[in-house]
Amino acid sequence: YVDFLGFEVEFEHRFEPGMPLYMGLRRDECRVHLSEHFGDAAPGARLR
């Protein structure tokens, strides 16, 4: 997302060290959140 697609990291959150990452990304007006938390989202989603 950052090196290849050119998004910038807006924020990173973990409840404590070693916990799953929840991260916000932005490129221009496009915002995407990515979560390592089980149950937040299912892999294989599609986004236009």
All heavy atoms as atom14 arrays in JSON, in Angstrom:
{
  "sequence": "YVDFLGFEVEFEHRFEPGMPLYMGLRRDECRVHLSEHFGDAAPGARLR",
  "atom14_mask": [
    [1, 1, 1, 1, 1, 1, 1, 1, 1, 1, 1, 1, 0, 0],
    [1, 1, 1, 1, 1, 1, 1, 0, 0, 0, 0, 0, 0, 0],
    [1, 1, 1, 1, 1, 1, 1, 1, 0, 0, 0, 0, 0, 0],
    [1, 1, 1, 1, 1, 1, 1, 1, 1, 1, 1, 0, 0, 0],
    [1, 1, 1, 1, 1, 1, 1, 1, 0, 0, 0, 0, 0, 0],
    [1, 1, 1, 1, 0, 0, 0, 0, 0, 0, 0, 0, 0, 0],
    [1, 1, 1, 1, 1, 1, 1, 1, 1, 1, 1, 0, 0, 0],
    [1, 1, 1, 1, 1, 1, 1, 1, 1, 0, 0, 0, 0, 0],
    [1, 1, 1, 1, 1, 1, 1, 0, 0, 0, 0, 0, 0, 0],
    [1, 1, 1, 1, 1, 1, 1, 1, 1, 0, 0, 0, 0, 0],
    [1, 1, 1, 1, 1, 1, 1, 1, 1, 1, 1, 0, 0, 0],
    [1, 1, 1, 1, 1, 1, 1, 1, 1, 0, 0, 0, 0, 0],
    [1, 1, 1, 1, 1, 1, 1, 1, 1, 1, 0, 0, 0, 0],
    [1, 1, 1, 1, 1, 1, 1, 1, 1, 1, 1, 0, 0, 0],
    [1, 1, 1, 1, 1, 1, 1, 1, 1, 1, 1, 0, 0, 0],
    [1, 1, 1, 1, 1, 1, 1, 1, 1, 0, 0, 0, 0, 0],
    [1, 1, 1, 1, 1, 1, 1, 0, 0, 0, 0, 0, 0, 0],
    [1, 1, 1, 1, 0, 0, 0, 0, 0, 0, 0, 0, 0, 0],
    [1, 1, 1, 1, 1, 1, 1, 1, 0, 0, 0, 0, 0, 0],
    [1, 1, 1, 1, 1, 1, 1, 0, 0, 0, 0, 0, 0, 0],
    [1, 1, 1, 1, 1, 1, 1, 1, 0, 0, 0, 0, 0, 0],
    [1, 1, 1, 1, 1, 1, 1, 1, 1, 1, 1, 1, 0, 0],
    [1, 1, 1, 1, 1, 1, 1, 1, 0, 0, 0, 0, 0, 0],
    [1, 1, 1, 1, 0, 0, 0, 0, 0, 0, 0, 0, 0, 0],
    [1, 1, 1, 1, 1, 1, 1, 1, 0, 0, 0, 0, 0, 0],
    [1, 1, 1, 1, 1, 1, 1, 1, 1, 1, 1, 0, 0, 0],
    [1, 1, 1, 1, 1, 1, 1, 1, 1, 1, 1, 0, 0, 0],
    [1, 1, 1, 1, 1, 1, 1, 1, 0, 0, 0, 0, 0, 0],
    [1, 1, 1, 1, 1, 1, 1, 1, 1, 0, 0, 0, 0, 0],
    [1, 1, 1, 1, 1, 1, 0, 0, 0, 0, 0, 0, 0, 0],
    [1, 1, 1, 1, 1, 1, 1, 1, 1, 1, 1, 0, 0, 0],
    [1, 1, 1, 1, 1, 1, 1, 0, 0, 0, 0, 0, 0, 0],
    [1, 1, 1, 1, 1, 1, 1, 1, 1, 1, 0, 0, 0, 0],
    [1, 1, 1, 1, 1, 1, 1, 1, 0, 0, 0, 0, 0, 0],
    [1, 1, 1, 1, 1, 1, 0, 0, 0, 0, 0, 0, 0, 0],
    [1, 1, 1, 1, 1, 1, 1, 1, 1, 0, 0, 0, 0, 0],
    [1, 1, 1, 1, 1, 1, 1, 1, 1, 1, 0, 0, 0, 0],
    [1, 1, 1, 1, 1, 1, 1, 1, 1, 1, 1, 0, 0, 0],
    [1, 1, 1, 1, 0, 0, 0, 0, 0, 0, 0, 0, 0, 0],
    [1, 1, 1, 1, 1, 1, 1, 1, 0, 0, 0, 0, 0, 0],
    [1, 1, 1, 1, 1, 0, 0, 0, 0, 0, 0, 0, 0, 0],
    [1, 1, 1, 1, 1, 0, 0, 0, 0, 0, 0, 0, 0, 0],
    [1, 1, 1, 1, 1, 1, 1, 0, 0, 0, 0, 0, 0, 0],
    [1, 1, 1, 1, 0, 0, 0, 0, 0, 0, 0, 0, 0, 0],
    [1, 1, 1, 1, 1, 0, 0, 0, 0, 0, 0, 0, 0, 0],
    [1, 1, 1, 1, 1, 1, 1, 1, 1, 1, 1, 0, 0, 0],
    [1, 1, 1, 1, 1, 1, 1, 1, 0, 0, 0, 0, 0, 0],
    [1, 1, 1, 1, 1, 1, 1, 1, 1, 1, 1, 0, 0, 0]
  ],
  "atom14_positions": [
    [[0.8, -1.23, 0.0], [0.0, 0.0, 0.0], [0.84, 1.28, 0.0], [0.49, 2.24, -0.68], [-0.97, 0.01, 1.18], [-2.16, -0.88, 0.97], [-2.18, -2.18, 1.43], [-3.29, -0.42, 0.28], [-3.28, -3.01, 1.22], [-4.38, -1.23, 0.06], [-4.37, -2.52, 0.53], [-5.45, -3.33, 0.31], [0.0, 0.0, 0.0], [0.0, 0.0, 0.0]],
    [[1.92, 1.29, 0.74], [2.73, 2.51, 0.86], [3.77, 2.59, -0.25], [3.79, 3.54, -1.04], [3.39, 2.6, 2.26], [4.3, 3.81, 2.35], [2.3, 2.65, 3.35], [0.0, 0.0, 0.0], [0.0, 0.0, 0.0], [0.0, 0.0, 0.0], [0.0, 0.0, 0.0], [0.0, 0.0, 0.0], [0.0, 0.0, 0.0], [0.0, 0.0, 0.0]],
    [[4.64, 1.59, -0.33], [5.74, 1.64, -1.3], [5.26, 1.47, -2.74], [5.74, 2.16, -3.64], [6.78, 0.57, -0.97], [7.38, 0.74, 0.41], [7.4, 1.88, 0.92], [7.81, -0.27, 1.0], [0.0, 0.0, 0.0], [0.0, 0.0, 0.0], [0.0, 0.0, 0.0], [0.0, 0.0, 0.0], [0.0, 0.0, 0.0], [0.0, 0.0, 0.0]],
    [[4.34, 0.55, -2.97], [3.89, 0.27, -4.33], [2.77, 1.2, -4.79], [2.89, 1.86, -5.82], [3.44, -1.2, -4.42], [2.98, -1.65, -5.77], [3.76, -1.46, -6.91], [1.76, -2.3, -5.91], [3.33, -1.89, -8.16], [1.33, -2.74, -7.15], [2.11, -2.54, -8.28], [0.0, 0.0, 0.0], [0.0, 0.0, 0.0], [0.0, 0.0, 0.0]],
    [[1.68, 1.3, -4.03], [0.53, 2.09, -4.46], [0.63, 3.57, -4.11], [-0.11, 4.38, -4.64], [-0.77, 1.52, -3.88], [-1.17, 0.12, -4.33], [-2.48, -0.29, -3.69], [-1.26, 0.04, -5.86], [0.0, 0.0, 0.0], [0.0, 0.0, 0.0], [0.0, 0.0, 0.0], [0.0, 0.0, 0.0], [0.0, 0.0, 0.0], [0.0, 0.0, 0.0]],
    [[1.52, 3.94, -3.19], [1.72, 5.35, -2.87], [0.81, 5.93, -1.82], [0.67, 7.15, -1.71], [0.0, 0.0, 0.0], [0.0, 0.0, 0.0], [0.0, 0.0, 0.0], [0.0, 0.0, 0.0], [0.0, 0.0, 0.0], [0.0, 0.0, 0.0], [0.0, 0.0, 0.0], [0.0, 0.0, 0.0], [0.0, 0.0, 0.0], [0.0, 0.0, 0.0]],
    [[0.18, 5.08, -1.0], [-0.62, 5.57, 0.12], [0.31, 6.04, 1.23], [1.47, 5.64, 1.3], [-1.53, 4.46, 0.66], [-2.77, 4.22, -0.14], [-2.73, 3.5, -1.32], [-3.99, 4.72, 0.29], [-3.88, 3.27, -2.06], [-5.15, 4.5, -0.45], [-5.09, 3.77, -1.63], [0.0, 0.0, 0.0], [0.0, 0.0, 0.0], [0.0, 0.0, 0.0]],
    [[-0.2, 6.88, 2.11], [0.55, 7.27, 3.3], [-0.19, 6.76, 4.52], [-1.42, 6.64, 4.53], [0.73, 8.78, 3.38], [-0.57, 9.55, 3.53], [-0.36, 11.06, 3.54], [0.08, 11.59, 2.51], [-0.67, 11.67, 4.58], [0.0, 0.0, 0.0], [0.0, 0.0, 0.0], [0.0, 0.0, 0.0], [0.0, 0.0, 0.0], [0.0, 0.0, 0.0]],
    [[0.57, 6.42, 5.55], [-0.02, 5.94, 6.8], [-0.54, 7.15, 7.57], [0.22, 8.07, 7.87], [1.01, 5.16, 7.64], [0.41, 4.75, 8.98], [1.52, 3.94, 6.87], [0.0, 0.0, 0.0], [0.0, 0.0, 0.0], [0.0, 0.0, 0.0], [0.0, 0.0, 0.0], [0.0, 0.0, 0.0], [0.0, 0.0, 0.0], [0.0, 0.0, 0.0]],
    [[-1.84, 7.16, 7.86], [-2.42, 8.23, 8.68], [-2.3, 7.93, 10.16], [-2.1, 8.83, 10.96], [-3.9, 8.42, 8.33], [-4.13, 9.17, 7.05], [-5.58, 9.62, 6.94], [-6.49, 8.77, 6.95], [-5.79, 10.84, 6.84], [0.0, 0.0, 0.0], [0.0, 0.0, 0.0], [0.0, 0.0, 0.0], [0.0, 0.0, 0.0], [0.0, 0.0, 0.0]],
    [[-2.48, 6.65, 10.51], [-2.34, 6.26, 11.91], [-2.12, 4.76, 11.99], [-2.44, 4.02, 11.07], [-3.58, 6.65, 12.74], [-4.81, 5.86, 12.37], [-5.07, 4.63, 12.96], [-5.7, 6.36, 11.44], [-6.21, 3.91, 12.62], [-6.84, 5.64, 11.09], [-7.09, 4.41, 11.69], [0.0, 0.0, 0.0], [0.0, 0.0, 0.0], [0.0, 0.0, 0.0]],
    [[-1.56, 4.34, 13.12], [-1.42, 2.93, 13.47], [-1.89, 2.77, 14.91], [-1.58, 3.62, 15.74], [0.03, 2.47, 13.36], [0.58, 2.5, 11.96], [2.03, 2.01, 11.89], [2.59, 1.61, 12.93], [2.59, 2.05, 10.8], [0.0, 0.0, 0.0], [0.0, 0.0, 0.0], [0.0, 0.0, 0.0], [0.0, 0.0, 0.0], [0.0, 0.0, 0.0]],
    [[-2.62, 1.7, 15.18], [-3.11, 1.47, 16.54], [-2.96, 0.0, 16.92], [-3.31, -0.88, 16.14], [-4.58, 1.87, 16.66], [-5.17, 1.47, 17.98], [-4.87, 2.13, 19.16], [-6.0, 0.46, 18.31], [-5.51, 1.55, 20.15], [-6.2, 0.54, 19.66], [0.0, 0.0, 0.0], [0.0, 0.0, 0.0], [0.0, 0.0, 0.0], [0.0, 0.0, 0.0]],
    [[-2.46, -0.21, 18.11], [-2.45, -1.52, 18.76], [-2.91, -1.29, 20.2], [-2.55, -0.3, 20.81], [-1.04, -2.11, 18.77], [-0.57, -2.62, 17.45], [0.8, -3.3, 17.63], [1.18, -4.06, 16.47], [1.81, -3.54, 15.42], [2.16, -2.27, 15.42], [2.1, -4.3, 14.39], [0.0, 0.0, 0.0], [0.0, 0.0, 0.0], [0.0, 0.0, 0.0]],
    [[-3.69, -2.21, 20.73], [-4.12, -2.06, 22.12], [-2.94, -2.17, 23.08], [-2.95, -1.57, 24.14], [-5.22, -3.07, 22.46], [-6.54, -2.72, 21.83], [-7.0, -3.41, 20.73], [-7.29, -1.68, 22.33], [-8.21, -3.08, 20.14], [-8.51, -1.33, 21.75], [-8.96, -2.03, 20.65], [0.0, 0.0, 0.0], [0.0, 0.0, 0.0], [0.0, 0.0, 0.0]],
    [[-1.93, -2.93, 22.68], [-0.68, -3.02, 23.43], [0.34, -3.68, 22.52], [-0.02, -4.26, 21.49], [-0.86, -3.81, 24.73], [-1.34, -5.23, 24.55], [-1.59, -5.93, 25.88], [-2.48, -5.49, 26.63], [-0.89, -6.91, 26.15], [0.0, 0.0, 0.0], [0.0, 0.0, 0.0], [0.0, 0.0, 0.0], [0.0, 0.0, 0.0], [0.0, 0.0, 0.0]],
    [[1.64, -3.59, 22.84], [2.66, -4.18, 21.98], [2.39, -5.66, 21.72], [1.94, -6.39, 22.61], [3.96, -3.99, 22.78], [3.68, -2.8, 23.65], [2.22, -2.89, 23.99], [0.0, 0.0, 0.0], [0.0, 0.0, 0.0], [0.0, 0.0, 0.0], [0.0, 0.0, 0.0], [0.0, 0.0, 0.0], [0.0, 0.0, 0.0], [0.0, 0.0, 0.0]],
    [[2.63, -6.08, 20.5], [2.42, -7.47, 20.13], [1.0, -7.81, 19.73], [0.73, -8.93, 19.29], [0.0, 0.0, 0.0], [0.0, 0.0, 0.0], [0.0, 0.0, 0.0], [0.0, 0.0, 0.0], [0.0, 0.0, 0.0], [0.0, 0.0, 0.0], [0.0, 0.0, 0.0], [0.0, 0.0, 0.0], [0.0, 0.0, 0.0], [0.0, 0.0, 0.0]],
    [[0.07, -6.87, 19.88], [-1.32, -7.1, 19.5], [-1.5, -6.79, 18.01], [-0.64, -6.14, 17.4], [-2.25, -6.21, 20.33], [-2.25, -6.53, 21.82], [-2.93, -8.14, 22.2], [-4.66, -7.85, 21.86], [0.0, 0.0, 0.0], [0.0, 0.0, 0.0], [0.0, 0.0, 0.0], [0.0, 0.0, 0.0], [0.0, 0.0, 0.0], [0.0, 0.0, 0.0]],
    [[-2.61, -7.22, 17.42], [-2.84, -6.96, 16.0], [-2.86, -5.47, 15.67], [-3.26, -4.64, 16.5], [-4.22, -7.59, 15.74], [-4.38, -8.61, 16.81], [-3.67, -8.04, 18.01], [0.0, 0.0, 0.0], [0.0, 0.0, 0.0], [0.0, 0.0, 0.0], [0.0, 0.0, 0.0], [0.0, 0.0, 0.0], [0.0, 0.0, 0.0], [0.0, 0.0, 0.0]],
    [[-2.46, -5.16, 14.47], [-2.39, -3.78, 13.98], [-3.71, -3.37, 13.32], [-4.29, -4.12, 12.55], [-1.25, -3.65, 12.96], [-1.11, -2.31, 12.24], [-0.73, -1.2, 13.23], [-0.08, -2.42, 11.12], [0.0, 0.0, 0.0], [0.0, 0.0, 0.0], [0.0, 0.0, 0.0], [0.0, 0.0, 0.0], [0.0, 0.0, 0.0], [0.0, 0.0, 0.0]],
    [[-4.15, -2.17, 13.63], [-5.24, -1.5, 12.91], [-4.63, -0.22, 12.37], [-4.06, 0.58, 13.11], [-6.42, -1.18, 13.84], [-7.64, -0.7, 13.11], [-8.6, -1.59, 12.69], [-7.83, 0.66, 12.83], [-9.75, -1.15, 12.0], [-8.94, 1.1, 12.14], [-9.9, 0.18, 11.73], [-11.01, 0.62, 11.05], [0.0, 0.0, 0.0], [0.0, 0.0, 0.0]],
    [[-4.72, -0.02, 11.04], [-3.99, 1.05, 10.39], [-4.89, 1.8, 9.41], [-5.68, 1.19, 8.7], [-2.79, 0.42, 9.66], [-1.99, 1.32, 8.79], [-0.48, 0.51, 8.14], [-1.1, -0.97, 7.38], [0.0, 0.0, 0.0], [0.0, 0.0, 0.0], [0.0, 0.0, 0.0], [0.0, 0.0, 0.0], [0.0, 0.0, 0.0], [0.0, 0.0, 0.0]],
    [[-4.74, 3.12, 9.37], [-5.44, 3.95, 8.42], [-4.49, 4.47, 7.36], [-3.39, 4.92, 7.67], [0.0, 0.0, 0.0], [0.0, 0.0, 0.0], [0.0, 0.0, 0.0], [0.0, 0.0, 0.0], [0.0, 0.0, 0.0], [0.0, 0.0, 0.0], [0.0, 0.0, 0.0], [0.0, 0.0, 0.0], [0.0, 0.0, 0.0], [0.0, 0.0, 0.0]],
    [[-4.9, 4.36, 6.1], [-4.1, 4.82, 4.97], [-4.87, 5.83, 4.15], [-6.1, 5.82, 4.12], [-3.74, 3.63, 4.06], [-2.97, 2.49, 4.7], [-2.85, 1.34, 3.71], [-1.59, 2.94, 5.14], [0.0, 0.0, 0.0], [0.0, 0.0, 0.0], [0.0, 0.0, 0.0], [0.0, 0.0, 0.0], [0.0, 0.0, 0.0], [0.0, 0.0, 0.0]],
    [[-4.11, 6.68, 3.47], [-4.74, 7.7, 2.63], [-3.87, 7.99, 1.41], [-2.66, 8.05, 1.51], [-4.92, 8.98, 3.43], [-5.52, 10.1, 2.61], [-5.61, 11.36, 3.41], [-6.25, 12.38, 2.58], [-6.71, 13.5, 3.03], [-6.62, 13.79, 4.31], [-7.27, 14.37, 2.24], [0.0, 0.0, 0.0], [0.0, 0.0, 0.0], [0.0, 0.0, 0.0]],
    [[-4.54, 8.16, 0.29], [-3.9, 8.72, -0.9], [-4.92, 9.66, -1.5], [-6.0, 9.25, -1.92], [-3.5, 7.64, -1.91], [-2.89, 8.26, -3.14], [-2.14, 7.33, -3.99], [-1.68, 8.07, -5.18], [-0.9, 7.6, -6.1], [-0.45, 6.36, -5.99], [-0.56, 8.31, -7.13], [0.0, 0.0, 0.0], [0.0, 0.0, 0.0], [0.0, 0.0, 0.0]],
    [[-4.57, 10.93, -1.56], [-5.49, 11.97, -1.99], [-6.77, 11.88, -1.15], [-6.71, 11.92, 0.06], [-5.75, 11.88, -3.5], [-4.46, 11.99, -4.31], [-3.61, 12.83, -3.97], [-4.29, 11.21, -5.28], [0.0, 0.0, 0.0], [0.0, 0.0, 0.0], [0.0, 0.0, 0.0], [0.0, 0.0, 0.0], [0.0, 0.0, 0.0], [0.0, 0.0, 0.0]],
    [[-7.93, 11.72, -1.78], [-9.19, 11.66, -1.04], [-9.61, 10.22, -0.7], [-10.64, 10.01, -0.07], [-10.31, 12.34, -1.84], [-10.06, 13.82, -2.07], [-9.89, 14.59, -0.76], [-10.73, 14.41, 0.16], [-8.92, 15.36, -0.66], [0.0, 0.0, 0.0], [0.0, 0.0, 0.0], [0.0, 0.0, 0.0], [0.0, 0.0, 0.0], [0.0, 0.0, 0.0]],
    [[-8.81, 9.25, -1.11], [-9.14, 7.84, -0.85], [-8.57, 7.42, 0.49], [-7.37, 7.58, 0.75], [-8.55, 6.97, -1.96], [-8.87, 5.22, -1.73], [0.0, 0.0, 0.0], [0.0, 0.0, 0.0], [0.0, 0.0, 0.0], [0.0, 0.0, 0.0], [0.0, 0.0, 0.0], [0.0, 0.0, 0.0], [0.0, 0.0, 0.0], [0.0, 0.0, 0.0]],
    [[-9.44, 6.9, 1.35], [-9.02, 6.39, 2.66], [-9.4, 4.91, 2.76], [-10.5, 4.51, 2.36], [-9.71, 7.16, 3.77], [-9.13, 8.53, 3.99], [-9.66, 9.13, 5.29], [-8.89, 10.27, 5.69], [-9.13, 11.51, 5.29], [-10.11, 11.76, 4.47], [-8.37, 12.5, 5.73], [0.0, 0.0, 0.0], [0.0, 0.0, 0.0], [0.0, 0.0, 0.0]],
    [[-8.49, 4.14, 3.33], [-8.7, 2.71, 3.54], [-8.16, 2.38, 4.92], [-7.11, 2.88, 5.33], [-7.94, 1.88, 2.48], [-8.1, 0.39, 2.73], [-8.39, 2.23, 1.08], [0.0, 0.0, 0.0], [0.0, 0.0, 0.0], [0.0, 0.0, 0.0], [0.0, 0.0, 0.0], [0.0, 0.0, 0.0], [0.0, 0.0, 0.0], [0.0, 0.0, 0.0]],
    [[-8.89, 1.54, 5.65], [-8.39, 1.02, 6.92], [-8.07, -0.46, 6.71], [-8.79, -1.16, 6.0], [-9.42, 1.17, 8.03], [-9.58, 2.58, 8.48], [-10.35, 2.92, 9.57], [-9.09, 3.75, 8.01], [-10.32, 4.23, 9.75], [-9.57, 4.76, 8.8], [0.0, 0.0, 0.0], [0.0, 0.0, 0.0], [0.0, 0.0, 0.0], [0.0, 0.0, 0.0]],
    [[-6.99, -0.91, 7.34], [-6.58, -2.31, 7.27], [-6.47, -2.84, 8.69], [-5.93, -2.18, 9.57], [-5.25, -2.43, 6.55], [-5.41, -2.11, 5.07], [-4.32, -1.19, 4.59], [-5.46, -3.37, 4.26], [0.0, 0.0, 0.0], [0.0, 0.0, 0.0], [0.0, 0.0, 0.0], [0.0, 0.0, 0.0], [0.0, 0.0, 0.0], [0.0, 0.0, 0.0]],
    [[-6.98, -4.04, 8.9], [-7.03, -4.6, 10.24], [-6.51, -6.03, 10.26], [-6.9, -6.86, 9.44], [-8.46, -4.58, 10.77], [-8.52, -5.17, 12.05], [0.0, 0.0, 0.0], [0.0, 0.0, 0.0], [0.0, 0.0, 0.0], [0.0, 0.0, 0.0], [0.0, 0.0, 0.0], [0.0, 0.0, 0.0], [0.0, 0.0, 0.0], [0.0, 0.0, 0.0]],
    [[-5.65, -6.3, 11.25], [-5.2, -7.66, 11.5], [-6.11, -8.36, 12.52], [-5.91, -9.52, 12.83], [-3.76, -7.64, 12.04], [-2.74, -7.17, 11.05], [-1.33, -7.12, 11.61], [-1.15, -7.18, 12.85], [-0.4, -7.02, 10.8], [0.0, 0.0, 0.0], [0.0, 0.0, 0.0], [0.0, 0.0, 0.0], [0.0, 0.0, 0.0], [0.0, 0.0, 0.0]],
    [[-7.1, -7.65, 13.03], [-7.99, -8.22, 14.04], [-8.94, -9.24, 13.43], [-9.65, -8.96, 12.47], [-8.82, -7.12, 14.72], [-8.01, -6.21, 15.57], [-7.77, -6.46, 16.9], [-7.37, -5.05, 15.28], [-7.02, -5.5, 17.4], [-6.76, -4.63, 16.44], [0.0, 0.0, 0.0], [0.0, 0.0, 0.0], [0.0, 0.0, 0.0], [0.0, 0.0, 0.0]],
    [[-8.97, -10.42, 14.02], [-9.89, -11.46, 13.6], [-11.32, -10.94, 13.74], [-11.69, -10.36, 14.75], [-9.71, -12.71, 14.48], [-10.61, -13.84, 14.1], [-10.3, -14.65, 13.04], [-11.77, -14.07, 14.8], [-11.13, -15.7, 12.68], [-12.61, -15.11, 14.46], [-12.29, -15.92, 13.38], [0.0, 0.0, 0.0], [0.0, 0.0, 0.0], [0.0, 0.0, 0.0]],
    [[-12.11, -11.08, 12.69], [-13.51, -10.68, 12.73], [-13.78, -9.28, 12.22], [-14.94, -8.93, 12.01], [0.0, 0.0, 0.0], [0.0, 0.0, 0.0], [0.0, 0.0, 0.0], [0.0, 0.0, 0.0], [0.0, 0.0, 0.0], [0.0, 0.0, 0.0], [0.0, 0.0, 0.0], [0.0, 0.0, 0.0], [0.0, 0.0, 0.0], [0.0, 0.0, 0.0]],
    [[-12.76, -8.45, 12.03], [-13.0, -7.11, 11.5], [-13.41, -7.13, 10.03], [-14.21, -6.33, 9.6], [-11.77, -6.22, 11.65], [-11.76, -5.46, 12.97], [-12.72, -5.62, 13.75], [-10.8, -4.73, 13.22], [0.0, 0.0, 0.0], [0.0, 0.0, 0.0], [0.0, 0.0, 0.0], [0.0, 0.0, 0.0], [0.0, 0.0, 0.0], [0.0, 0.0, 0.0]],
    [[-12.84, -8.02, 9.28], [-13.13, -8.1, 7.85], [-12.67, -9.46, 7.36], [-11.83, -10.11, 7.98], [-12.41, -6.99, 7.1], [0.0, 0.0, 0.0], [0.0, 0.0, 0.0], [0.0, 0.0, 0.0], [0.0, 0.0, 0.0], [0.0, 0.0, 0.0], [0.0, 0.0, 0.0], [0.0, 0.0, 0.0], [0.0, 0.0, 0.0], [0.0, 0.0, 0.0]],
    [[-13.23, -9.89, 6.25], [-12.84, -11.16, 5.66], [-11.9, -10.9, 4.49], [-12.12, -9.98, 3.71], [-14.08, -11.91, 5.17], [0.0, 0.0, 0.0], [0.0, 0.0, 0.0], [0.0, 0.0, 0.0], [0.0, 0.0, 0.0], [0.0, 0.0, 0.0], [0.0, 0.0, 0.0], [0.0, 0.0, 0.0], [0.0, 0.0, 0.0], [0.0, 0.0, 0.0]],
    [[-10.84, -11.69, 4.35], [-9.97, -11.52, 3.18], [-10.75, -11.82, 1.91], [-11.74, -12.55, 1.93], [-8.86, -12.54, 3.41], [-9.38, -13.5, 4.42], [-10.43, -12.78, 5.2], [0.0, 0.0, 0.0], [0.0, 0.0, 0.0], [0.0, 0.0, 0.0], [0.0, 0.0, 0.0], [0.0, 0.0, 0.0], [0.0, 0.0, 0.0], [0.0, 0.0, 0.0]],
    [[-10.34, -11.22, 0.82], [-11.0, -11.46, -0.45], [-12.05, -10.42, -0.8], [-12.81, -10.59, -1.75], [0.0, 0.0, 0.0], [0.0, 0.0, 0.0], [0.0, 0.0, 0.0], [0.0, 0.0, 0.0], [0.0, 0.0, 0.0], [0.0, 0.0, 0.0], [0.0, 0.0, 0.0], [0.0, 0.0, 0.0], [0.0, 0.0, 0.0], [0.0, 0.0, 0.0]],
    [[-12.1, -9.32, -0.06], [-13.04, -8.23, -0.38], [-12.63, -7.58, -1.7], [-11.51, -7.74, -2.18], [-13.06, -7.19, 0.73], [0.0, 0.0, 0.0], [0.0, 0.0, 0.0], [0.0, 0.0, 0.0], [0.0, 0.0, 0.0], [0.0, 0.0, 0.0], [0.0, 0.0, 0.0], [0.0, 0.0, 0.0], [0.0, 0.0, 0.0], [0.0, 0.0, 0.0]],
    [[-13.54, -6.84, -2.27], [-13.24, -6.13, -3.52], [-13.59, -4.66, -3.33], [-14.61, -4.32, -2.76], [-14.06, -6.71, -4.66], [-13.69, -6.08, -5.98], [-14.06, -6.96, -7.13], [-13.29, -6.52, -8.28], [-13.17, -7.22, -9.36], [-13.73, -8.4, -9.43], [-12.48, -6.77, -10.38], [0.0, 0.0, 0.0], [0.0, 0.0, 0.0], [0.0, 0.0, 0.0]],
    [[-12.71, -3.8, -3.84], [-12.85, -2.37, -3.67], [-12.59, -1.69, -5.0], [-11.63, -2.02, -5.69], [-11.82, -1.91, -2.62], [-11.78, -0.46, -2.21], [-13.09, -0.05, -1.57], [-10.64, -0.27, -1.21], [0.0, 0.0, 0.0], [0.0, 0.0, 0.0], [0.0, 0.0, 0.0], [0.0, 0.0, 0.0], [0.0, 0.0, 0.0], [0.0, 0.0, 0.0]],
    [[-13.45, -0.75, -5.41], [-13.25, 0.05, -6.62], [-12.79, 1.44, -6.21], [-13.4, 2.07, -5.37], [-14.54, 0.15, -7.44], [-14.93, -1.15, -8.11], [-16.25, -1.05, -8.85], [-16.36, 0.08, -9.76], [-15.9, 0.11, -11.02], [-15.28, -0.94, -11.5], [-16.08, 1.17, -11.77], [0.0, 0.0, 0.0], [0.0, 0.0, 0.0], [0.0, 0.0, 0.0]]
  ]
}
